[in-house]
Protein backbone atom coordinates (compact mmCIF):
# COMPACT_ATOMS: atom_id res chain seq x y z
CA SER A 1 -30.81 -149.55 -134.36
CA SER A 2 -28.41 -146.58 -134.40
CA HIS A 3 -28.48 -146.52 -138.22
CA PHE A 4 -32.28 -146.60 -138.13
CA GLY A 5 -32.32 -143.69 -135.66
CA SER A 6 -29.95 -141.67 -137.85
CA ALA A 7 -32.05 -142.32 -140.96
CA LEU A 8 -35.19 -141.31 -139.15
CA ALA A 9 -33.56 -138.11 -137.98
CA CYS A 10 -32.77 -137.22 -141.61
CA PHE A 11 -36.46 -137.21 -142.47
CA LEU A 12 -37.46 -135.06 -139.48
CA PRO A 13 -36.99 -131.30 -139.35
CA PRO A 14 -34.82 -130.01 -136.51
CA SER A 15 -37.80 -128.51 -134.76
CA SER A 16 -39.50 -131.86 -134.72
CA CYS A 17 -36.50 -133.49 -133.10
CA SER A 18 -36.38 -130.72 -130.57
CA ASP A 19 -40.08 -131.06 -129.86
CA ALA A 20 -39.74 -134.81 -129.50
CA GLY A 21 -36.88 -134.39 -127.08
CA THR A 22 -38.79 -131.81 -125.09
CA SER A 23 -41.89 -133.99 -125.10
CA GLY A 24 -39.88 -136.99 -123.94
CA SER A 25 -38.30 -134.99 -121.15
CA ALA A 26 -41.68 -133.68 -120.11
CA SER A 27 -43.14 -137.17 -120.07
CA MET A 28 -40.29 -138.41 -117.93
CA ALA A 29 -40.71 -135.47 -115.58
CA ASP A 30 -44.44 -136.10 -115.37
CA ALA A 31 -43.84 -139.79 -114.63
CA ALA A 32 -41.31 -138.92 -111.95
CA ALA A 33 -43.72 -136.44 -110.41
CA ALA A 34 -46.54 -138.98 -110.48
CA THR A 35 -44.28 -141.58 -108.86
CA GLU A 36 -43.31 -139.10 -106.15
CA VAL A 37 -46.97 -138.33 -105.49
CA GLU A 38 -47.78 -142.03 -105.21
CA GLU A 39 -44.85 -142.58 -102.86
CA LYS A 40 -46.05 -139.71 -100.69
CA LYS A 41 -49.56 -141.17 -100.65
CA GLU A 42 -48.25 -144.61 -99.69
CA LYS A 43 -46.08 -143.06 -96.98
CA LYS A 44 -49.06 -141.10 -95.66
CA VAL A 45 -51.23 -144.24 -95.63
CA GLN A 46 -48.51 -146.12 -93.75
CA GLU A 47 -48.12 -143.27 -91.27
CA ASP A 48 -51.88 -143.21 -90.74
CA GLN A 49 -51.90 -146.97 -90.16
CA ASP A 50 -49.01 -146.71 -87.72
CA GLU A 51 -50.79 -143.90 -85.91
CA LYS A 52 -53.96 -145.97 -85.69
CA MET A 53 -51.98 -148.90 -84.32
CA ASP A 54 -50.35 -146.62 -81.77
CA ASP A 55 -53.74 -145.21 -80.82
CA ALA A 56 -55.13 -148.74 -80.49
CA GLN A 57 -52.21 -149.74 -78.31
CA GLU A 58 -52.66 -146.65 -76.17
CA SER A 59 -56.37 -147.38 -75.99
CA GLY A 60 -55.58 -150.93 -74.91
CA GLU A 61 -53.41 -149.63 -72.08
CA ARG A 62 -55.84 -146.98 -70.89
CA GLU A 63 -56.99 -149.45 -68.27
CA LYS A 64 -56.60 -147.85 -64.86
CA ASP A 65 -56.35 -149.28 -61.39
CA ALA A 66 -59.69 -150.45 -60.07
CA ALA A 67 -61.29 -147.86 -57.83
CA PRO A 68 -62.16 -148.74 -54.22
CA ASP A 69 -65.56 -150.41 -54.06
CA ALA A 70 -67.51 -150.66 -50.82
CA ARG A 71 -70.41 -152.60 -52.29
CA ALA A 72 -71.24 -156.06 -50.98
CA LYS A 73 -69.30 -158.86 -52.66
CA ILE A 74 -70.39 -162.35 -53.62
CA LYS A 75 -69.88 -165.04 -51.00
CA ALA A 76 -66.49 -166.71 -50.81
CA GLY A 77 -66.43 -169.99 -52.70
CA SER A 78 -69.49 -169.19 -54.81
CA CYS A 79 -67.48 -168.80 -58.02
CA GLU A 80 -66.18 -172.02 -59.56
CA LEU A 81 -66.65 -174.18 -62.60
CA ASN A 82 -70.21 -175.46 -62.63
CA MET A 83 -70.15 -179.25 -62.96
CA ALA A 84 -73.89 -179.14 -63.61
CA ASP A 85 -73.15 -176.94 -66.62
CA SER A 86 -70.28 -178.98 -68.07
CA THR A 87 -69.91 -181.74 -70.63
CA LEU A 88 -69.86 -185.28 -69.26
CA ASN A 89 -66.16 -185.77 -70.06
CA VAL A 90 -65.01 -183.00 -67.68
CA MET A 91 -63.09 -184.47 -64.73
CA PRO A 92 -62.64 -182.03 -61.82
CA ALA A 93 -59.85 -182.23 -59.22
CA THR A 94 -58.71 -180.19 -56.19
CA ASN A 95 -62.24 -178.96 -55.50
CA GLY A 96 -62.82 -178.00 -59.11
CA LYS A 97 -59.79 -175.73 -59.40
CA MET A 98 -58.20 -178.17 -61.84
CA VAL A 99 -59.95 -180.02 -64.65
CA MET A 100 -58.95 -182.56 -67.26
CA PRO A 101 -60.93 -184.49 -69.87
CA LEU A 102 -61.57 -188.19 -70.21
CA ILE A 103 -58.99 -189.49 -72.67
CA ASP A 104 -59.64 -193.23 -72.95
CA GLY A 105 -61.66 -195.20 -75.47
CA GLY A 106 -61.87 -192.46 -78.09
CA PHE A 107 -62.68 -189.65 -75.66
CA GLN A 108 -59.32 -188.08 -76.58
CA TYR A 109 -60.94 -186.88 -79.81
CA LEU A 110 -63.76 -185.00 -78.07
CA LEU A 111 -63.85 -181.46 -76.74
CA ALA A 112 -64.71 -180.82 -73.11
CA GLY A 113 -66.43 -177.66 -71.94
CA SER A 114 -67.37 -176.05 -68.63
CA ARG A 115 -69.07 -172.80 -67.62
CA ALA A 116 -68.62 -170.85 -64.38
CA THR A 117 -71.25 -170.48 -61.70
CA VAL A 118 -71.00 -166.67 -61.88
CA GLY A 119 -72.00 -164.53 -64.85
CA LEU A 120 -70.88 -160.94 -65.38
CA LYS A 121 -73.38 -158.14 -66.00
CA ALA A 122 -71.31 -155.01 -65.32
CA GLY A 123 -67.95 -153.81 -64.08
CA ARG A 124 -64.44 -154.95 -65.03
CA TYR A 125 -63.14 -158.32 -63.86
CA MET A 126 -60.66 -161.02 -64.80
CA PHE A 127 -60.02 -164.74 -64.38
CA GLU A 128 -57.00 -166.93 -65.10
CA VAL A 129 -56.42 -170.25 -66.85
CA ALA A 130 -53.15 -172.17 -67.09
CA ILE A 131 -52.28 -175.37 -68.95
CA VAL A 132 -50.72 -177.55 -66.25
CA GLU A 133 -50.07 -180.59 -68.43
CA SER A 134 -50.39 -181.60 -72.07
CA LEU A 135 -51.87 -185.09 -72.32
CA ASN A 136 -50.76 -187.51 -75.03
CA PRO A 137 -53.17 -190.45 -75.05
CA THR A 138 -52.62 -193.44 -77.30
CA GLU A 139 -53.78 -192.80 -80.85
CA ALA A 140 -56.74 -195.08 -81.52
CA LEU A 141 -57.02 -194.20 -85.19
CA GLN A 142 -53.52 -195.17 -86.32
CA GLN A 143 -54.84 -197.58 -88.92
CA ARG A 144 -57.64 -195.33 -90.15
CA GLY A 145 -56.22 -191.83 -90.21
CA HIS A 146 -55.54 -189.01 -87.79
CA GLY A 147 -57.73 -187.47 -85.12
CA PRO A 148 -58.78 -183.83 -84.82
CA GLN A 149 -55.98 -181.27 -84.89
CA PRO A 150 -54.48 -179.79 -82.85
CA ARG A 151 -54.36 -182.70 -80.40
CA GLN A 152 -54.02 -180.31 -77.44
CA LEU A 153 -56.38 -177.35 -77.52
CA LEU A 154 -57.59 -174.61 -75.19
CA ARG A 155 -60.21 -171.94 -75.70
CA LEU A 156 -61.08 -169.46 -72.98
CA GLY A 157 -63.81 -166.93 -73.27
CA LEU A 158 -67.38 -165.98 -72.41
CA SER A 159 -70.76 -167.46 -73.17
CA THR A 160 -74.37 -166.71 -72.38
CA LYS A 161 -76.53 -168.87 -70.16
CA ASN A 162 -77.83 -172.07 -71.80
CA SER A 163 -75.65 -171.55 -74.90
CA SER A 164 -73.23 -174.13 -76.26
CA LEU A 165 -70.38 -175.19 -73.97
CA PHE A 166 -68.17 -175.46 -77.04
CA LEU A 167 -66.64 -172.03 -77.55
CA SER A 168 -66.63 -170.89 -81.22
CA ASP A 169 -69.84 -172.87 -81.79
CA GLY A 170 -72.75 -170.51 -82.39
CA PRO A 171 -73.27 -166.74 -81.99
CA ASP A 172 -73.60 -166.59 -78.19
CA ASN A 173 -69.94 -166.88 -77.20
CA VAL A 174 -66.51 -165.40 -77.89
CA CYS A 175 -63.08 -166.82 -77.15
CA PHE A 176 -59.34 -166.77 -77.61
CA ASP A 177 -57.80 -170.10 -78.61
CA SER A 178 -54.34 -171.57 -78.20
CA ASP A 179 -53.45 -170.54 -81.75
CA GLY A 180 -53.85 -166.90 -80.74
CA SER A 181 -57.09 -166.40 -82.66
CA PHE A 182 -60.15 -164.51 -81.48
CA THR A 183 -63.31 -166.32 -82.55
CA HIS A 184 -67.00 -165.54 -82.72
CA ASN A 185 -69.60 -167.69 -84.46
CA GLY A 186 -66.92 -169.57 -86.39
CA ASN A 187 -65.19 -166.41 -87.64
CA ARG A 188 -61.52 -166.39 -86.59
CA LYS A 189 -58.99 -163.58 -86.71
CA LYS A 190 -55.43 -163.42 -85.45
CA ALA A 191 -55.33 -161.38 -82.25
CA ALA A 192 -52.44 -162.74 -80.17
CA GLN A 193 -49.46 -165.07 -80.18
CA ARG A 194 -49.80 -168.81 -79.62
CA PHE A 195 -49.88 -169.90 -76.00
CA GLY A 196 -49.27 -173.18 -74.23
CA ARG A 197 -47.85 -174.75 -71.06
CA GLU A 198 -46.22 -172.80 -68.26
CA GLN A 199 -48.13 -169.65 -69.19
CA THR A 200 -50.77 -168.02 -67.05
CA LEU A 201 -53.52 -166.61 -69.24
CA ALA A 202 -55.85 -163.93 -67.97
CA LEU A 203 -59.08 -162.90 -69.66
CA LEU A 204 -60.02 -159.31 -68.84
CA VAL A 205 -63.73 -158.61 -69.24
CA ASN A 206 -64.60 -154.91 -69.35
CA LEU A 207 -68.33 -154.22 -69.03
CA ASP A 208 -67.85 -150.85 -67.34
CA SER A 209 -69.93 -148.35 -69.31
CA LYS A 210 -67.70 -145.48 -68.11
CA SER A 211 -64.52 -147.06 -69.46
CA PRO A 212 -63.07 -146.15 -72.88
CA ASN A 213 -62.73 -149.91 -73.43
CA ALA A 214 -66.29 -150.76 -72.45
CA ASN A 215 -67.75 -154.01 -73.80
CA THR A 216 -64.41 -155.52 -74.75
CA VAL A 217 -62.34 -158.55 -73.79
CA SER A 218 -58.54 -158.69 -73.66
CA LEU A 219 -56.01 -161.47 -73.28
CA PHE A 220 -52.98 -161.23 -71.00
CA CYS A 221 -50.14 -163.74 -70.77
CA ASN A 222 -48.03 -163.95 -67.60
CA GLY A 223 -49.26 -160.50 -66.60
CA GLU A 224 -48.47 -158.80 -69.91
CA ARG A 225 -50.96 -157.69 -72.54
CA ALA A 226 -51.16 -160.27 -75.34
CA SER A 227 -53.96 -158.70 -77.40
CA ASP A 228 -55.68 -155.42 -78.03
CA PRO A 229 -59.19 -155.08 -76.56
CA GLN A 230 -61.59 -157.04 -78.76
CA PRO A 231 -65.13 -155.67 -79.03
CA LEU A 232 -67.96 -157.91 -77.95
CA PRO A 233 -70.44 -158.80 -80.72
CA GLU A 234 -73.58 -156.67 -80.67
CA ASN A 235 -75.77 -159.67 -79.87
CA MET A 236 -73.82 -160.26 -76.63
CA VAL A 237 -73.74 -156.68 -75.36
CA GLY A 238 -76.05 -156.19 -72.39
CA LYS A 239 -76.32 -159.91 -71.64
CA THR A 240 -74.96 -161.81 -68.65
CA LEU A 241 -71.67 -163.42 -69.72
CA TYR A 242 -70.24 -166.48 -68.02
CA PRO A 243 -66.52 -167.37 -68.04
CA THR A 244 -66.15 -170.57 -70.06
CA VAL A 245 -63.38 -172.97 -71.05
CA THR A 246 -63.30 -175.51 -73.88
CA TYR A 247 -60.35 -177.87 -74.11
CA ARG A 248 -58.97 -181.17 -75.38
CA ASN A 249 -56.12 -183.33 -74.04
CA VAL A 250 -54.86 -180.78 -71.51
CA MET A 251 -55.08 -180.41 -67.74
CA LEU A 252 -56.10 -176.92 -66.66
CA HIS A 253 -55.80 -174.85 -63.52
CA VAL A 254 -58.65 -172.32 -63.39
CA ASN A 255 -58.34 -169.38 -60.99
CA PHE A 256 -61.33 -167.13 -60.37
CA GLY A 257 -59.63 -165.37 -57.48
CA PRO A 258 -59.66 -163.45 -55.32
CA THR A 259 -55.86 -163.30 -55.79
CA PRO A 260 -54.29 -163.53 -59.27
CA LYS A 261 -51.29 -165.72 -59.95
CA SER A 262 -49.85 -163.13 -62.36
CA LYS A 263 -50.69 -159.51 -61.60
CA LEU A 264 -51.70 -157.27 -64.50
CA PRO A 265 -50.06 -153.88 -65.14
CA PHE A 266 -53.02 -152.32 -63.32
CA ALA A 267 -55.07 -153.35 -60.29
CA CYS A 268 -58.05 -155.42 -61.38
CA ARG A 269 -60.50 -157.43 -59.29
CA MET A 270 -61.13 -161.06 -60.10
CA VAL A 271 -64.51 -162.66 -60.68
CA ALA A 272 -64.55 -164.28 -57.22
CA ASP A 273 -64.11 -160.80 -55.72
CA ALA A 274 -66.92 -159.21 -57.74
CA ALA A 275 -69.61 -156.93 -56.38
CA ALA A 276 -72.83 -158.88 -55.95
CA GLU A 277 -74.86 -156.44 -58.04
CA ASP A 278 -72.44 -156.81 -60.98
CA VAL A 279 -73.01 -160.54 -61.37
CA GLU A 280 -75.64 -163.23 -61.68
CA LEU A 281 -75.31 -166.58 -59.93
CA ALA A 282 -76.27 -169.80 -61.64
CA PRO A 283 -79.03 -171.77 -59.93
CA GLY A 284 -77.64 -173.78 -57.03
CA GLN A 285 -77.42 -177.56 -56.98
CA ASP A 286 -78.30 -179.74 -53.97
CA GLY A 287 -75.58 -182.23 -54.83
CA LYS A 288 -77.99 -184.71 -56.43
CA SER A 289 -78.59 -184.92 -60.16
CA GLU A 290 -80.87 -187.06 -62.25
CA VAL A 291 -79.49 -188.51 -65.46
CA ALA A 292 -81.79 -189.52 -68.32
CA LEU A 293 -80.42 -191.85 -70.99
CA PRO A 294 -82.89 -192.00 -73.89
CA VAL A 295 -82.86 -195.16 -76.00
CA GLY A 296 -84.61 -195.34 -79.33
CA VAL A 297 -84.77 -196.92 -82.78
CA PRO A 298 -83.52 -194.90 -85.81
CA ASP A 299 -86.11 -193.36 -88.12
CA GLN A 300 -88.88 -193.80 -85.56
CA GLY A 301 -89.07 -190.20 -84.31
CA PHE A 302 -86.37 -190.67 -81.68
CA PHE A 303 -84.74 -187.24 -82.11
CA ASP A 304 -88.11 -185.50 -82.22
CA TRP A 305 -88.97 -187.14 -78.89
CA VAL A 306 -85.65 -186.01 -77.38
CA ASP A 307 -86.27 -182.42 -78.55
CA LEU A 308 -89.74 -182.53 -77.02
CA PHE A 309 -88.39 -183.97 -73.76
CA ILE A 310 -85.79 -181.18 -73.49
CA LYS A 311 -88.45 -178.57 -74.25
CA ASN A 312 -90.73 -179.93 -71.52
CA ASN A 313 -87.85 -180.37 -69.07
CA PRO A 314 -85.61 -177.32 -69.51
CA SER A 315 -83.92 -177.75 -66.12
């Protein structure tokens, strides 16, 4: 190649060689300058992203201590999980403060769900959920495959009245799950770290129109922030939102207050300590319920009849 370069130089006038050298140097300089510009742009973009993250973090910690509130509160004991608004496999214990699912005969593959008796309309409140025990029932599908994964699951969030008790199902609920994802209408995004046993989880619901974090929900773990404030979907803003849990193969302790197990970095009232005008109470139950078990033949309009029965008997 050196001989070829020397021969080529013999056929080029000196000025041409000089021009070529100058042109090559200029091209290299231009490339270096372009690279430097790109590096500066990338650095600026990264700095902007870091600044936005810092701003988001600061925004997430702008929560202040709850101001004194002299308004009338809801009655003591009126906030609990509503067994009349729960799936049939929810098993309450200790006056409803702890719940577990049925796990025998295939029930270990089903989700359980329960909604609170108090819905939030305004203000800023919190409630806590802790996994007391992970249940490991006998696998009934060993010869035919594996059951739903993960075997132990918890979702805590909010749902509207009469919506699905299975959080992440449909547009009328939002939740954090044990994988650390924030989910709405089946759309999941990573928002926090995984959580499990021996951790007290707190869901902060901010519906205070005067707050910089209005209409958001945040997750705290053992009193420390685990997620940035997540905006509520537009279709849920302005609606009454009920604390809800969905779970499988775990025993839960649910604490609506008035005293938190793990205090947050700022003073925050719990749902059971809410002002009466900030909440809506679910219709009371007299302790007696009527159960209807429809029986029908396939392809004979059975499901249409059930839909009609539910429509005519909404309660």
